[in-house]
Amino acid sequence: MVLAARLICFSGELLDGGPGVRFTVRHDGTEAPAFAVRFQGRVFAYYNRCAHVPIELDWQPNEFFDDSKVYLICATHGALYSPADGSCLGGRCNGRGLTPLPVEERHGAIYFIPSEQTS
């Protein structure tokens, strides 16, 4: 079964290093929080779950970047992640990164691309 791409937001809603957009995906039969951000001109999306403790990252609604706008940061323990691939860059994530989600930007919009594991 082919699942249709799902609109997350319009391209103009994601500014480089700016606020992200939250959305949800179905994973293992439950709704899971996720987010999309723009970094160095590209859009990236991840489950909104710290690798250290499964809590949401944003320190204010839709705020995922640290003050430098270079790293994603966990509001609870300060773990730092690469916006480009979700890898752990420091803190309590202990080498465990964020789980990426497939997204695509086309025709002025950003879409989540569901799979058999997520929808």
N, C-alpha and C. Protein backbone atom coordinates (compact mmCIF):
# COMPACT_ATOMS: atom_id res chain seq x y z
N MET A 1 0.84 -1.18 0.00
CA MET A 1 0.00 0.00 0.00
C MET A 1 0.88 1.25 0.00
N VAL A 2 0.63 2.16 -0.91
CA VAL A 2 1.36 3.41 -0.99
C VAL A 2 0.61 4.46 -0.19
N LEU A 3 1.30 5.10 0.75
CA LEU A 3 0.68 6.13 1.57
C LEU A 3 0.97 7.50 0.97
N ALA A 4 -0.02 8.35 0.98
CA ALA A 4 0.13 9.68 0.39
C ALA A 4 0.95 10.59 1.30
N ALA A 5 1.73 11.46 0.67
CA ALA A 5 2.48 12.46 1.41
C ALA A 5 1.49 13.36 2.15
N ARG A 6 1.89 13.81 3.34
CA ARG A 6 1.01 14.63 4.17
C ARG A 6 1.62 16.02 4.37
N LEU A 7 0.85 17.05 4.10
CA LEU A 7 1.31 18.42 4.25
C LEU A 7 1.64 18.72 5.71
N ILE A 8 2.85 19.25 5.95
CA ILE A 8 3.24 19.70 7.29
C ILE A 8 3.00 21.20 7.40
N CYS A 9 3.52 21.95 6.42
CA CYS A 9 3.38 23.40 6.43
C CYS A 9 3.81 23.95 5.07
N PHE A 10 3.66 25.25 4.91
CA PHE A 10 4.15 25.90 3.70
C PHE A 10 5.61 26.28 3.90
N SER A 11 6.38 26.29 2.84
CA SER A 11 7.82 26.54 2.92
C SER A 11 8.17 27.81 3.66
N GLY A 12 7.41 28.87 3.46
CA GLY A 12 7.68 30.15 4.09
C GLY A 12 7.54 30.15 5.60
N GLU A 13 6.93 29.11 6.15
CA GLU A 13 6.76 29.03 7.61
C GLU A 13 8.03 28.59 8.32
N LEU A 14 8.99 28.03 7.59
CA LEU A 14 10.24 27.57 8.20
C LEU A 14 11.39 28.45 7.74
N LEU A 15 11.90 29.26 8.64
CA LEU A 15 13.05 30.11 8.36
C LEU A 15 14.31 29.43 8.86
N ASP A 16 15.41 29.65 8.16
CA ASP A 16 16.68 29.04 8.54
C ASP A 16 17.04 29.37 9.99
N GLY A 17 17.17 28.34 10.83
CA GLY A 17 17.51 28.52 12.23
C GLY A 17 16.39 29.09 13.08
N GLY A 18 15.21 29.21 12.51
CA GLY A 18 14.07 29.79 13.21
C GLY A 18 13.20 28.73 13.87
N PRO A 19 12.03 29.15 14.32
CA PRO A 19 11.11 28.19 14.95
C PRO A 19 10.78 27.03 14.03
N GLY A 20 10.55 25.89 14.62
CA GLY A 20 10.15 24.71 13.87
C GLY A 20 8.65 24.62 13.79
N VAL A 21 8.18 23.57 13.15
CA VAL A 21 6.76 23.28 13.07
C VAL A 21 6.55 21.89 13.64
N ARG A 22 5.66 21.80 14.59
CA ARG A 22 5.33 20.50 15.19
C ARG A 22 4.26 19.80 14.36
N PHE A 23 4.32 18.48 14.34
CA PHE A 23 3.29 17.66 13.72
C PHE A 23 3.31 16.30 14.40
N THR A 24 2.40 15.44 14.10
CA THR A 24 2.38 14.11 14.70
C THR A 24 2.43 13.05 13.61
N VAL A 25 2.96 11.90 13.99
CA VAL A 25 2.98 10.73 13.12
C VAL A 25 2.46 9.54 13.92
N ARG A 26 1.92 8.58 13.22
CA ARG A 26 1.50 7.34 13.89
C ARG A 26 2.68 6.38 13.84
N HIS A 27 3.03 5.86 15.00
CA HIS A 27 4.15 4.92 15.10
C HIS A 27 3.74 3.84 16.10
N ASP A 28 3.79 2.59 15.68
CA ASP A 28 3.38 1.47 16.52
C ASP A 28 1.97 1.66 17.09
N GLY A 29 1.09 2.22 16.26
CA GLY A 29 -0.30 2.36 16.66
C GLY A 29 -0.63 3.55 17.55
N THR A 30 0.34 4.38 17.86
CA THR A 30 0.08 5.55 18.70
C THR A 30 0.58 6.82 18.00
N GLU A 31 0.04 7.94 18.42
CA GLU A 31 0.48 9.23 17.90
C GLU A 31 1.80 9.60 18.57
N ALA A 32 2.76 10.02 17.77
CA ALA A 32 4.07 10.43 18.29
C ALA A 32 4.35 11.85 17.83
N PRO A 33 4.86 12.71 18.74
CA PRO A 33 5.17 14.08 18.35
C PRO A 33 6.42 14.13 17.47
N ALA A 34 6.41 15.06 16.53
CA ALA A 34 7.53 15.24 15.61
C ALA A 34 7.67 16.73 15.33
N PHE A 35 8.78 17.10 14.69
CA PHE A 35 8.97 18.49 14.32
C PHE A 35 9.83 18.59 13.06
N ALA A 36 9.67 19.71 12.36
CA ALA A 36 10.48 20.01 11.19
C ALA A 36 11.13 21.37 11.40
N VAL A 37 12.39 21.50 10.95
CA VAL A 37 13.13 22.75 11.02
C VAL A 37 13.86 22.95 9.70
N ARG A 38 14.27 24.20 9.47
CA ARG A 38 15.10 24.49 8.30
C ARG A 38 16.49 24.85 8.81
N PHE A 39 17.51 24.25 8.19
CA PHE A 39 18.90 24.51 8.55
C PHE A 39 19.73 24.52 7.28
N GLN A 40 20.48 25.59 7.10
CA GLN A 40 21.32 25.77 5.90
C GLN A 40 20.51 25.53 4.62
N GLY A 41 19.30 26.06 4.62
CA GLY A 41 18.46 26.02 3.43
C GLY A 41 17.67 24.75 3.21
N ARG A 42 17.92 23.72 4.00
CA ARG A 42 17.22 22.44 3.82
C ARG A 42 16.29 22.17 4.99
N VAL A 43 15.28 21.36 4.74
CA VAL A 43 14.32 21.00 5.78
C VAL A 43 14.65 19.62 6.31
N PHE A 44 14.62 19.50 7.64
CA PHE A 44 14.87 18.23 8.32
C PHE A 44 13.74 18.00 9.32
N ALA A 45 13.41 16.74 9.55
CA ALA A 45 12.35 16.41 10.52
C ALA A 45 12.80 15.24 11.38
N TYR A 46 12.34 15.27 12.63
CA TYR A 46 12.70 14.26 13.62
C TYR A 46 11.53 13.99 14.55
N TYR A 47 11.53 12.81 15.18
CA TYR A 47 10.63 12.61 16.30
C TYR A 47 11.01 13.63 17.36
N ASN A 48 10.05 14.20 18.03
CA ASN A 48 10.31 15.17 19.09
C ASN A 48 10.53 14.40 20.39
N ARG A 49 11.70 13.76 20.45
CA ARG A 49 12.02 12.89 21.59
C ARG A 49 13.53 12.88 21.79
N CYS A 50 13.95 13.35 22.94
CA CYS A 50 15.37 13.36 23.29
C CYS A 50 15.89 11.92 23.35
N ALA A 51 17.12 11.73 22.92
CA ALA A 51 17.72 10.39 22.95
C ALA A 51 18.10 9.97 24.37
N HIS A 52 18.26 10.91 25.27
CA HIS A 52 18.63 10.61 26.66
C HIS A 52 17.43 10.11 27.44
N VAL A 53 16.38 10.89 27.48
CA VAL A 53 15.12 10.55 28.15
C VAL A 53 14.02 10.89 27.15
N PRO A 54 13.06 10.02 26.95
CA PRO A 54 12.05 10.28 25.90
C PRO A 54 11.08 11.42 26.26
N ILE A 55 11.62 12.65 26.26
CA ILE A 55 10.82 13.85 26.48
C ILE A 55 10.97 14.76 25.26
N GLU A 56 10.04 15.68 25.11
CA GLU A 56 10.09 16.58 23.96
C GLU A 56 11.21 17.60 24.13
N LEU A 57 11.80 18.02 23.00
CA LEU A 57 12.96 18.89 23.03
C LEU A 57 12.63 20.37 23.22
N ASP A 58 11.59 20.88 22.59
CA ASP A 58 11.41 22.33 22.52
C ASP A 58 11.32 22.99 23.89
N TRP A 59 12.08 24.10 24.02
CA TRP A 59 12.15 24.82 25.28
C TRP A 59 11.05 25.87 25.37
N GLN A 60 10.49 26.27 24.29
CA GLN A 60 9.28 27.07 24.15
C GLN A 60 8.56 26.43 22.97
N PRO A 61 7.26 26.65 22.83
CA PRO A 61 6.57 26.03 21.69
C PRO A 61 7.28 26.33 20.37
N ASN A 62 7.65 25.28 19.67
CA ASN A 62 8.30 25.33 18.36
C ASN A 62 9.73 25.87 18.37
N GLU A 63 10.35 26.03 19.51
CA GLU A 63 11.74 26.51 19.60
C GLU A 63 12.66 25.33 19.88
N PHE A 64 13.42 24.94 18.86
CA PHE A 64 14.28 23.76 18.96
C PHE A 64 15.77 24.11 18.89
N PHE A 65 16.10 25.26 18.33
CA PHE A 65 17.50 25.66 18.20
C PHE A 65 18.00 26.32 19.48
N ASP A 66 19.31 26.18 19.72
CA ASP A 66 19.93 26.91 20.83
C ASP A 66 20.09 28.37 20.42
N ASP A 67 20.66 29.19 21.29
CA ASP A 67 20.81 30.62 21.01
C ASP A 67 21.65 30.91 19.77
N SER A 68 22.61 30.03 19.46
CA SER A 68 23.48 30.25 18.30
C SER A 68 22.78 29.93 16.98
N LYS A 69 21.66 29.24 17.03
CA LYS A 69 20.90 28.79 15.84
C LYS A 69 21.69 27.77 15.02
N VAL A 70 22.66 27.10 15.66
CA VAL A 70 23.50 26.11 14.99
C VAL A 70 23.16 24.69 15.44
N TYR A 71 22.63 24.53 16.64
CA TYR A 71 22.37 23.21 17.21
C TYR A 71 20.92 23.10 17.66
N LEU A 72 20.38 21.88 17.59
CA LEU A 72 19.12 21.58 18.24
C LEU A 72 19.45 21.25 19.69
N ILE A 73 18.63 21.68 20.63
CA ILE A 73 18.94 21.49 22.04
C ILE A 73 17.74 20.92 22.78
N CYS A 74 18.01 20.01 23.69
CA CYS A 74 16.98 19.48 24.57
C CYS A 74 16.81 20.46 25.72
N ALA A 75 15.61 20.94 25.91
CA ALA A 75 15.33 21.94 26.94
C ALA A 75 15.56 21.40 28.35
N THR A 76 15.44 20.12 28.55
CA THR A 76 15.52 19.56 29.91
C THR A 76 16.95 19.37 30.38
N HIS A 77 17.80 18.74 29.59
CA HIS A 77 19.15 18.44 30.04
C HIS A 77 20.25 19.07 29.19
N GLY A 78 19.89 19.81 28.14
CA GLY A 78 20.88 20.53 27.35
C GLY A 78 21.63 19.70 26.33
N ALA A 79 21.17 18.50 26.02
CA ALA A 79 21.84 17.71 24.99
C ALA A 79 21.79 18.47 23.66
N LEU A 80 22.88 18.42 22.90
CA LEU A 80 22.96 19.11 21.63
C LEU A 80 22.96 18.11 20.48
N TYR A 81 22.22 18.45 19.43
CA TYR A 81 22.10 17.59 18.27
C TYR A 81 22.36 18.38 16.99
N SER A 82 22.87 17.70 15.98
CA SER A 82 23.06 18.31 14.67
C SER A 82 21.71 18.44 13.97
N PRO A 83 21.36 19.64 13.51
CA PRO A 83 20.11 19.78 12.76
C PRO A 83 20.14 19.03 11.42
N ALA A 84 21.33 18.82 10.87
CA ALA A 84 21.45 18.20 9.56
C ALA A 84 21.26 16.69 9.55
N ASP A 85 21.56 16.02 10.66
CA ASP A 85 21.40 14.56 10.67
C ASP A 85 20.92 14.00 12.01
N GLY A 86 20.71 14.86 13.00
CA GLY A 86 20.20 14.41 14.30
C GLY A 86 21.24 13.79 15.20
N SER A 87 22.50 13.77 14.78
CA SER A 87 23.52 13.11 15.60
C SER A 87 23.77 13.87 16.90
N CYS A 88 24.14 13.13 17.93
CA CYS A 88 24.45 13.70 19.24
C CYS A 88 25.79 14.43 19.14
N LEU A 89 25.81 15.69 19.58
CA LEU A 89 27.04 16.47 19.54
C LEU A 89 27.58 16.76 20.94
N GLY A 90 26.80 16.50 21.96
CA GLY A 90 27.26 16.74 23.32
C GLY A 90 26.12 16.67 24.31
N GLY A 91 26.49 16.44 25.56
CA GLY A 91 25.49 16.36 26.61
C GLY A 91 25.09 14.93 26.89
N ARG A 92 23.97 14.79 27.55
CA ARG A 92 23.54 13.48 28.04
C ARG A 92 23.01 12.52 26.98
N CYS A 93 23.03 12.91 25.72
CA CYS A 93 22.56 11.99 24.68
C CYS A 93 23.54 10.83 24.49
N ASN A 94 24.77 10.97 25.01
CA ASN A 94 25.74 9.87 25.03
C ASN A 94 25.89 9.14 23.70
N GLY A 95 25.99 9.91 22.61
CA GLY A 95 26.21 9.29 21.31
C GLY A 95 24.96 8.84 20.59
N ARG A 96 23.82 8.90 21.25
CA ARG A 96 22.55 8.51 20.61
C ARG A 96 21.91 9.76 20.00
N GLY A 97 21.48 9.65 18.77
CA GLY A 97 20.92 10.80 18.07
C GLY A 97 19.41 10.80 18.01
N LEU A 98 18.90 11.83 17.37
CA LEU A 98 17.47 11.94 17.12
C LEU A 98 17.09 11.01 15.98
N THR A 99 15.85 10.57 15.96
CA THR A 99 15.36 9.69 14.91
C THR A 99 14.77 10.53 13.78
N PRO A 100 15.39 10.47 12.59
CA PRO A 100 14.90 11.30 11.47
C PRO A 100 13.60 10.76 10.89
N LEU A 101 12.87 11.67 10.27
CA LEU A 101 11.65 11.33 9.55
C LEU A 101 11.77 11.88 8.13
N PRO A 102 11.28 11.15 7.14
CA PRO A 102 11.42 11.59 5.75
C PRO A 102 10.46 12.74 5.42
N VAL A 103 11.03 13.82 4.92
CA VAL A 103 10.26 14.96 4.47
C VAL A 103 10.73 15.38 3.09
N GLU A 104 9.88 16.12 2.42
CA GLU A 104 10.20 16.58 1.08
C GLU A 104 9.62 17.99 0.91
N GLU A 105 10.41 18.85 0.29
CA GLU A 105 9.93 20.20 0.00
C GLU A 105 9.72 20.31 -1.50
N ARG A 106 8.49 20.69 -1.88
CA ARG A 106 8.17 20.85 -3.30
C ARG A 106 6.98 21.80 -3.46
N HIS A 107 7.02 22.57 -4.51
CA HIS A 107 5.92 23.47 -4.87
C HIS A 107 5.51 24.38 -3.70
N GLY A 108 6.51 24.86 -2.95
CA GLY A 108 6.22 25.80 -1.88
C GLY A 108 5.64 25.21 -0.62
N ALA A 109 5.77 23.90 -0.47
CA ALA A 109 5.22 23.24 0.72
C ALA A 109 6.16 22.14 1.20
N ILE A 110 6.00 21.75 2.46
CA ILE A 110 6.81 20.70 3.07
C ILE A 110 5.88 19.56 3.44
N TYR A 111 6.28 18.36 3.02
CA TYR A 111 5.45 17.17 3.21
C TYR A 111 6.20 16.11 4.00
N PHE A 112 5.47 15.44 4.87
CA PHE A 112 5.95 14.23 5.54
C PHE A 112 5.67 13.08 4.58
N ILE A 113 6.67 12.20 4.40
CA ILE A 113 6.52 11.05 3.51
C ILE A 113 6.36 9.80 4.37
N PRO A 114 5.14 9.31 4.53
CA PRO A 114 4.91 8.15 5.40
C PRO A 114 5.52 6.88 4.85
N SER A 115 5.75 5.94 5.75
CA SER A 115 6.28 4.63 5.37
C SER A 115 5.42 3.57 6.04
N GLU A 116 5.83 2.32 5.88
CA GLU A 116 5.08 1.24 6.54
C GLU A 116 5.19 1.34 8.06
N GLN A 117 6.25 1.94 8.58
CA GLN A 117 6.45 2.06 10.03
C GLN A 117 5.76 3.31 10.59
N THR A 118 5.68 4.37 9.80
CA THR A 118 5.10 5.61 10.28
C THR A 118 4.07 6.12 9.29
N SER A 119 3.08 6.76 9.80
CA SER A 119 2.07 7.36 8.90
C SER A 119 1.53 8.64 9.51
